[in-house]
Amino acid sequence: MPIERETMAYKIITQPSVEPVTLAEAKDHCRVDGTELDALFSGVIIPAARQSAEHEMGRALCTQTRELVLDAFPADFVLEGAPIQSLVSIKYLDSAGIEQTLDPQDVILDNDSEPGYLSLNYGKGWPETYDVPNAVRVRYICGYGNAGDVPAAIKAWMLLAIGTMAAQAETMTTKQATALPDRFWHRLLDPFKVYQ
């Protein structure tokens, strides 16, 4: 019996190798000396600030690899995590259930648009897929690049988030943290939001 659902999911395959804000920048902003909080900053607070910024804007900051998983080929693919750098692969289960890799010449990557799009090249058609969930996987690289490529306003937002989380580090461990400040500083991210 054919599946009737149309689902898609985005997965991060390779996390960024660097953060937009360094440990030294975070500690300087928070006026923290010594190394006793380094693990908390590096392992929790800085990555949490980046992930929050990425979620708020619908974009990727430092270079990372993501994968879009779908049940079948749509007319066009929307690729989250702008800016999109490049396409890695399009893999799918063919009508016999055998994994195949689509020829990259069959598609056009629009990485000027935000979000990015992946469309069929002229005269090409999507192949038939096996009738199972998650039959199509599109892997791509996204993000601005290195930390120095991330816009200053986004880094400023991250530093505000980092400072707020660091100030509440003690209450965070007792599960009594208060809410982060409201929209006045979130507006730093507004020019970078990706709308679909």
C-alpha atoms as a PDB file:
ATOM      1  CA  MET A   1       0.000   0.000   0.000  1.00  0.00           C
ATOM      2  CA  PRO A   2       1.535   3.387  -0.951  1.00  0.00           C
ATOM      3  CA  ILE A   3       2.482   5.770   1.811  1.00  0.00           C
ATOM      4  CA  GLU A   4       0.268   8.826   1.953  1.00  0.00           C
ATOM      5  CA  ARG A   5       2.304  11.128   4.118  1.00  0.00           C
ATOM      6  CA  GLU A   6       4.664  13.806   2.849  1.00  0.00           C
ATOM      7  CA  THR A   7       7.308  14.485   5.430  1.00  0.00           C
ATOM      8  CA  MET A   8      10.675  16.120   5.498  1.00  0.00           C
ATOM      9  CA  ALA A   9      13.336  16.608   8.104  1.00  0.00           C
ATOM     10  CA  TYR A  10      16.566  18.586   8.335  1.00  0.00           C
ATOM     11  CA  LYS A  11      19.536  17.034  10.117  1.00  0.00           C
ATOM     12  CA  ILE A  12      22.941  18.449  10.965  1.00  0.00           C
ATOM     13  CA  ILE A  13      25.494  15.910   9.760  1.00  0.00           C
ATOM     14  CA  THR A  14      28.671  17.814  10.636  1.00  0.00           C
ATOM     15  CA  GLN A  15      28.620  20.515  13.313  1.00  0.00           C
ATOM     16  CA  PRO A  16      30.702  23.660  12.751  1.00  0.00           C
ATOM     17  CA  SER A  17      34.375  23.191  13.637  1.00  0.00           C
ATOM     18  CA  VAL A  18      34.515  26.735  15.066  1.00  0.00           C
ATOM     19  CA  GLU A  19      32.062  29.011  16.826  1.00  0.00           C
ATOM     20  CA  PRO A  20      31.350  32.596  15.671  1.00  0.00           C
ATOM     21  CA  VAL A  21      32.386  33.859  19.119  1.00  0.00           C
ATOM     22  CA  THR A  22      35.624  32.609  20.670  1.00  0.00           C
ATOM     23  CA  LEU A  23      36.102  31.644  24.289  1.00  0.00           C
ATOM     24  CA  ALA A  24      38.355  34.679  24.766  1.00  0.00           C
ATOM     25  CA  GLU A  25      35.730  37.040  23.294  1.00  0.00           C
ATOM     26  CA  ALA A  26      32.992  35.542  25.487  1.00  0.00           C
ATOM     27  CA  LYS A  27      35.074  35.796  28.653  1.00  0.00           C
ATOM     28  CA  ASP A  28      36.155  39.346  27.829  1.00  0.00           C
ATOM     29  CA  HIS A  29      32.527  40.375  27.228  1.00  0.00           C
ATOM     30  CA  CYS A  30      31.447  38.780  30.516  1.00  0.00           C
ATOM     31  CA  ARG A  31      34.501  40.100  32.386  1.00  0.00           C
ATOM     32  CA  VAL A  32      35.433  36.620  33.510  1.00  0.00           C
ATOM     33  CA  ASP A  33      38.998  35.847  34.608  1.00  0.00           C
ATOM     34  CA  GLY A  34      40.459  32.438  35.328  1.00  0.00           C
ATOM     35  CA  THR A  35      39.630  29.128  33.677  1.00  0.00           C
ATOM     36  CA  GLU A  36      37.088  27.550  36.031  1.00  0.00           C
ATOM     37  CA  LEU A  37      34.164  28.393  33.697  1.00  0.00           C
ATOM     38  CA  ASP A  38      35.966  27.613  30.403  1.00  0.00           C
ATOM     39  CA  ALA A  39      34.270  24.236  29.958  1.00  0.00           C
ATOM     40  CA  LEU A  40      30.839  25.759  30.593  1.00  0.00           C
ATOM     41  CA  PHE A  41      31.489  28.554  28.103  1.00  0.00           C
ATOM     42  CA  SER A  42      32.980  26.334  25.393  1.00  0.00           C
ATOM     43  CA  GLY A  43      30.768  23.289  25.832  1.00  0.00           C
ATOM     44  CA  VAL A  44      27.389  24.834  26.640  1.00  0.00           C
ATOM     45  CA  ILE A  45      26.950  28.597  26.598  1.00  0.00           C
ATOM     46  CA  ILE A  46      28.663  29.555  23.319  1.00  0.00           C
ATOM     47  CA  PRO A  47      27.158  26.672  21.287  1.00  0.00           C
ATOM     48  CA  ALA A  48      23.731  27.381  22.825  1.00  0.00           C
ATOM     49  CA  ALA A  49      23.962  31.037  21.794  1.00  0.00           C
ATOM     50  CA  ARG A  50      24.890  30.034  18.225  1.00  0.00           C
ATOM     51  CA  GLN A  51      22.104  27.462  18.003  1.00  0.00           C
ATOM     52  CA  SER A  52      19.593  30.001  19.324  1.00  0.00           C
ATOM     53  CA  ALA A  53      20.717  32.576  16.746  1.00  0.00           C
ATOM     54  CA  GLU A  54      20.525  30.000  13.940  1.00  0.00           C
ATOM     55  CA  HIS A  55      17.034  28.977  15.029  1.00  0.00           C
ATOM     56  CA  GLU A  56      15.851  32.569  15.392  1.00  0.00           C
ATOM     57  CA  MET A  57      17.052  33.484  11.899  1.00  0.00           C
ATOM     58  CA  GLY A  58      16.627  30.221   9.984  1.00  0.00           C
ATOM     59  CA  ARG A  59      20.222  30.334   8.788  1.00  0.00           C
ATOM     60  CA  ALA A  60      23.598  28.718   9.470  1.00  0.00           C
ATOM     61  CA  LEU A  61      26.539  30.677  10.851  1.00  0.00           C
ATOM     62  CA  CYS A  62      29.868  28.840  10.567  1.00  0.00           C
ATOM     63  CA  THR A  63      30.339  26.136   7.899  1.00  0.00           C
ATOM     64  CA  GLN A  64      28.397  22.935   8.587  1.00  0.00           C
ATOM     65  CA  THR A  65      26.947  20.001   6.672  1.00  0.00           C
ATOM     66  CA  ARG A  66      23.192  19.433   6.696  1.00  0.00           C
ATOM     67  CA  GLU A  67      20.881  16.873   5.164  1.00  0.00           C
ATOM     68  CA  LEU A  68      17.306  17.221   3.966  1.00  0.00           C
ATOM     69  CA  VAL A  69      15.382  13.944   4.184  1.00  0.00           C
ATOM     70  CA  LEU A  70      12.126  13.447   2.227  1.00  0.00           C
ATOM     71  CA  ASP A  71       9.790  10.617   1.311  1.00  0.00           C
ATOM     72  CA  ALA A  72       9.864  11.445  -2.420  1.00  0.00           C
ATOM     73  CA  PHE A  73      11.139  14.058  -4.863  1.00  0.00           C
ATOM     74  CA  PRO A  74       9.182  17.341  -4.745  1.00  0.00           C
ATOM     75  CA  ALA A  75       9.040  19.806  -7.633  1.00  0.00           C
ATOM     76  CA  ASP A  76      11.701  21.955  -5.956  1.00  0.00           C
ATOM     77  CA  PHE A  77      13.731  21.573  -2.787  1.00  0.00           C
ATOM     78  CA  VAL A  78      13.969  24.315  -0.179  1.00  0.00           C
ATOM     79  CA  LEU A  79      17.345  24.180   1.541  1.00  0.00           C
ATOM     80  CA  GLU A  80      17.389  25.676   5.030  1.00  0.00           C
ATOM     81  CA  GLY A  81      20.520  27.079   6.604  1.00  0.00           C
ATOM     82  CA  ALA A  82      21.307  29.997   4.295  1.00  0.00           C
ATOM     83  CA  PRO A  83      23.760  30.878   2.990  1.00  0.00           C
ATOM     84  CA  ILE A  84      24.095  27.629   1.021  1.00  0.00           C
ATOM     85  CA  GLN A  85      27.678  26.976  -0.080  1.00  0.00           C
ATOM     86  CA  SER A  86      27.480  23.815  -2.170  1.00  0.00           C
ATOM     87  CA  LEU A  87      25.672  20.560  -2.871  1.00  0.00           C
ATOM     88  CA  VAL A  88      27.345  17.363  -1.638  1.00  0.00           C
ATOM     89  CA  SER A  89      24.995  14.681  -2.961  1.00  0.00           C
ATOM     90  CA  ILE A  90      21.430  13.631  -3.717  1.00  0.00           C
ATOM     91  CA  LYS A  91      20.841  10.000  -2.821  1.00  0.00           C
ATOM     92  CA  TYR A  92      17.579   8.122  -3.247  1.00  0.00           C
ATOM     93  CA  LEU A  93      16.094   4.643  -3.158  1.00  0.00           C
ATOM     94  CA  ASP A  94      15.084   3.688  -6.682  1.00  0.00           C
ATOM     95  CA  SER A  95      11.899   1.792  -7.541  1.00  0.00           C
ATOM     96  CA  ALA A  96      13.644  -1.465  -6.585  1.00  0.00           C
ATOM     97  CA  GLY A  97      14.757  -0.107  -3.200  1.00  0.00           C
ATOM     98  CA  ILE A  98      18.428   0.226  -4.210  1.00  0.00           C
ATOM     99  CA  GLU A  99      20.287   3.391  -3.217  1.00  0.00           C
ATOM    100  CA  GLN A 100      21.321   5.562  -6.165  1.00  0.00           C
ATOM    101  CA  THR A 101      23.126   8.894  -6.466  1.00  0.00           C
ATOM    102  CA  LEU A 102      21.607  11.508  -8.754  1.00  0.00           C
ATOM    103  CA  ASP A 103      23.945  13.063 -11.322  1.00  0.00           C
ATOM    104  CA  PRO A 104      24.712  16.633 -10.126  1.00  0.00           C
ATOM    105  CA  GLN A 105      24.337  17.804 -13.748  1.00  0.00           C
ATOM    106  CA  ASP A 106      20.610  16.994 -13.469  1.00  0.00           C
ATOM    107  CA  VAL A 107      19.969  19.774 -10.959  1.00  0.00           C
ATOM    108  CA  ILE A 108      20.441  23.519 -10.516  1.00  0.00           C
ATOM    109  CA  LEU A 109      21.491  24.861  -7.105  1.00  0.00           C
ATOM    110  CA  ASP A 110      20.179  28.364  -6.440  1.00  0.00           C
ATOM    111  CA  ASN A 111      22.395  29.489  -3.599  1.00  0.00           C
ATOM    112  CA  ASP A 112      21.818  33.187  -4.281  1.00  0.00           C
ATOM    113  CA  SER A 113      18.276  32.950  -2.887  1.00  0.00           C
ATOM    114  CA  GLU A 114      17.640  32.687   0.836  1.00  0.00           C
ATOM    115  CA  PRO A 115      16.526  30.063   1.580  1.00  0.00           C
ATOM    116  CA  GLY A 116      18.387  28.148  -1.112  1.00  0.00           C
ATOM    117  CA  TYR A 117      16.606  26.085  -3.751  1.00  0.00           C
ATOM    118  CA  LEU A 118      17.401  22.976  -5.717  1.00  0.00           C
ATOM    119  CA  SER A 119      15.567  22.496  -9.023  1.00  0.00           C
ATOM    120  CA  LEU A 120      15.716  20.177 -11.993  1.00  0.00           C
ATOM    121  CA  ASN A 121      17.906  21.196 -14.888  1.00  0.00           C
ATOM    122  CA  TYR A 122      16.202  21.854 -18.211  1.00  0.00           C
ATOM    123  CA  GLY A 123      14.902  18.664 -19.836  1.00  0.00           C
ATOM    124  CA  LYS A 124      15.497  16.487 -16.756  1.00  0.00           C
ATOM    125  CA  GLY A 125      12.978  14.665 -14.556  1.00  0.00           C
ATOM    126  CA  TRP A 126      13.051  13.331 -11.037  1.00  0.00           C
ATOM    127  CA  PRO A 127      13.519   9.556 -10.924  1.00  0.00           C
ATOM    128  CA  GLU A 128      10.883   7.273  -9.430  1.00  0.00           C
ATOM    129  CA  THR A 129      11.543   6.371  -5.808  1.00  0.00           C
ATOM    130  CA  TYR A 130      10.793   3.383  -3.646  1.00  0.00           C
ATOM    131  CA  ASP A 131       7.531   3.829  -1.764  1.00  0.00           C
ATOM    132  CA  VAL A 132       8.987   4.061   1.751  1.00  0.00           C
ATOM    133  CA  PRO A 133       9.589   6.905   4.197  1.00  0.00           C
ATOM    134  CA  ASN A 134      12.866   8.825   3.891  1.00  0.00           C
ATOM    135  CA  ALA A 135      13.630   7.643   0.349  1.00  0.00           C
ATOM    136  CA  VAL A 136      15.449  10.864  -0.661  1.00  0.00           C
ATOM    137  CA  ARG A 137      18.455  12.477   1.036  1.00  0.00           C
ATOM    138  CA  VAL A 138      19.971  15.793  -0.045  1.00  0.00           C
ATOM    139  CA  ARG A 139      23.282  16.609   1.620  1.00  0.00           C
ATOM    140  CA  TYR A 140      24.749  20.115   1.377  1.00  0.00           C
ATOM    141  CA  ILE A 141      27.200  22.513   2.978  1.00  0.00           C
ATOM    142  CA  CYS A 142      25.947  25.788   4.413  1.00  0.00           C
ATOM    143  CA  GLY A 143      26.952  28.729   6.575  1.00  0.00           C
ATOM    144  CA  TYR A 144      28.912  31.956   6.149  1.00  0.00           C
ATOM    145  CA  GLY A 145      32.281  30.215   6.466  1.00  0.00           C
ATOM    146  CA  ASN A 146      34.660  30.936   9.340  1.00  0.00           C
ATOM    147  CA  ALA A 147      34.003  33.042  12.431  1.00  0.00           C
ATOM    148  CA  GLY A 148      35.344  36.151  10.701  1.00  0.00           C
ATOM    149  CA  ASP A 149      32.690  35.839   7.970  1.00  0.00           C
ATOM    150  CA  VAL A 150      29.729  36.049  10.389  1.00  0.00           C
ATOM    151  CA  PRO A 151      28.141  39.552  10.448  1.00  0.00           C
ATOM    152  CA  ALA A 152      29.000  41.717  13.457  1.00  0.00           C
ATOM    153  CA  ALA A 153      25.353  42.228  14.475  1.00  0.00           C
ATOM    154  CA  ILE A 154      24.891  38.466  14.832  1.00  0.00           C
ATOM    155  CA  LYS A 155      28.031  38.225  16.971  1.00  0.00           C
ATOM    156  CA  ALA A 156      26.764  41.128  19.090  1.00  0.00           C
ATOM    157  CA  TRP A 157      23.489  39.257  19.648  1.00  0.00           C
ATOM    158  CA  MET A 158      25.436  36.136  20.600  1.00  0.00           C
ATOM    159  CA  LEU A 159      27.525  38.094  23.105  1.00  0.00           C
ATOM    160  CA  LEU A 160      24.360  39.465  24.709  1.00  0.00           C
ATOM    161  CA  ALA A 161      22.938  35.946  24.932  1.00  0.00           C
ATOM    162  CA  ILE A 162      26.236  34.604  26.283  1.00  0.00           C
ATOM    163  CA  GLY A 163      26.412  37.379  28.894  1.00  0.00           C
ATOM    164  CA  THR A 164      22.853  36.716  30.006  1.00  0.00           C
ATOM    165  CA  MET A 165      23.411  32.962  30.260  1.00  0.00           C
ATOM    166  CA  ALA A 166      26.746  33.403  32.059  1.00  0.00           C
ATOM    167  CA  ALA A 167      25.170  35.777  34.577  1.00  0.00           C
ATOM    168  CA  GLN A 168      22.559  33.122  35.274  1.00  0.00           C
ATOM    169  CA  ALA A 169      24.954  30.158  35.302  1.00  0.00           C
ATOM    170  CA  GLU A 170      24.402  29.473  38.985  1.00  0.00           C
ATOM    171  CA  THR A 171      20.611  29.618  38.746  1.00  0.00           C
ATOM    172  CA  MET A 172      20.704  27.537  35.532  1.00  0.00           C
ATOM    173  CA  THR A 173      22.158  24.643  37.510  1.00  0.00           C
ATOM    174  CA  THR A 174      19.305  24.866  40.012  1.00  0.00           C
ATOM    175  CA  LYS A 175      16.700  25.113  37.214  1.00  0.00           C
ATOM    176  CA  GLN A 176      15.577  28.568  38.334  1.00  0.00           C
ATOM    177  CA  ALA A 177      16.910  30.643  35.427  1.00  0.00           C
ATOM    178  CA  THR A 178      14.883  33.661  34.469  1.00  0.00           C
ATOM    179  CA  ALA A 179      13.874  34.429  30.891  1.00  0.00           C
ATOM    180  CA  LEU A 180      16.324  36.068  28.524  1.00  0.00           C
ATOM    181  CA  PRO A 181      15.632  39.759  27.825  1.00  0.00           C
ATOM    182  CA  ASP A 182      12.813  40.405  25.399  1.00  0.00           C
ATOM    183  CA  ARG A 183      12.738  41.522  21.765  1.00  0.00           C
ATOM    184  CA  PHE A 184      14.851  44.676  22.030  1.00  0.00           C
ATOM    185  CA  TRP A 185      18.095  42.781  21.448  1.00  0.00           C
ATOM    186  CA  HIS A 186      16.581  40.075  19.250  1.00  0.00           C
ATOM    187  CA  ARG A 187      16.105  42.818  16.659  1.00  0.00           C
ATOM    188  CA  LEU A 188      19.832  42.607  15.963  1.00  0.00           C
ATOM    189  CA  LEU A 189      19.020  39.392  14.085  1.00  0.00           C
ATOM    190  CA  ASP A 190      16.038  40.719  12.135  1.00  0.00           C
ATOM    191  CA  PRO A 191      17.997  41.820   9.012  1.00  0.00           C
ATOM    192  CA  PHE A 192      19.423  38.303   8.706  1.00  0.00           C
ATOM    193  CA  LYS A 193      16.164  36.330   9.052  1.00  0.00           C
ATOM    194  CA  VAL A 194      15.295  33.970   6.231  1.00  0.00           C
ATOM    195  CA  TYR A 195      11.583  33.822   5.424  1.00  0.00           C
ATOM    196  CA  GLN A 196       9.973  30.943   3.543  1.00  0.00           C
END
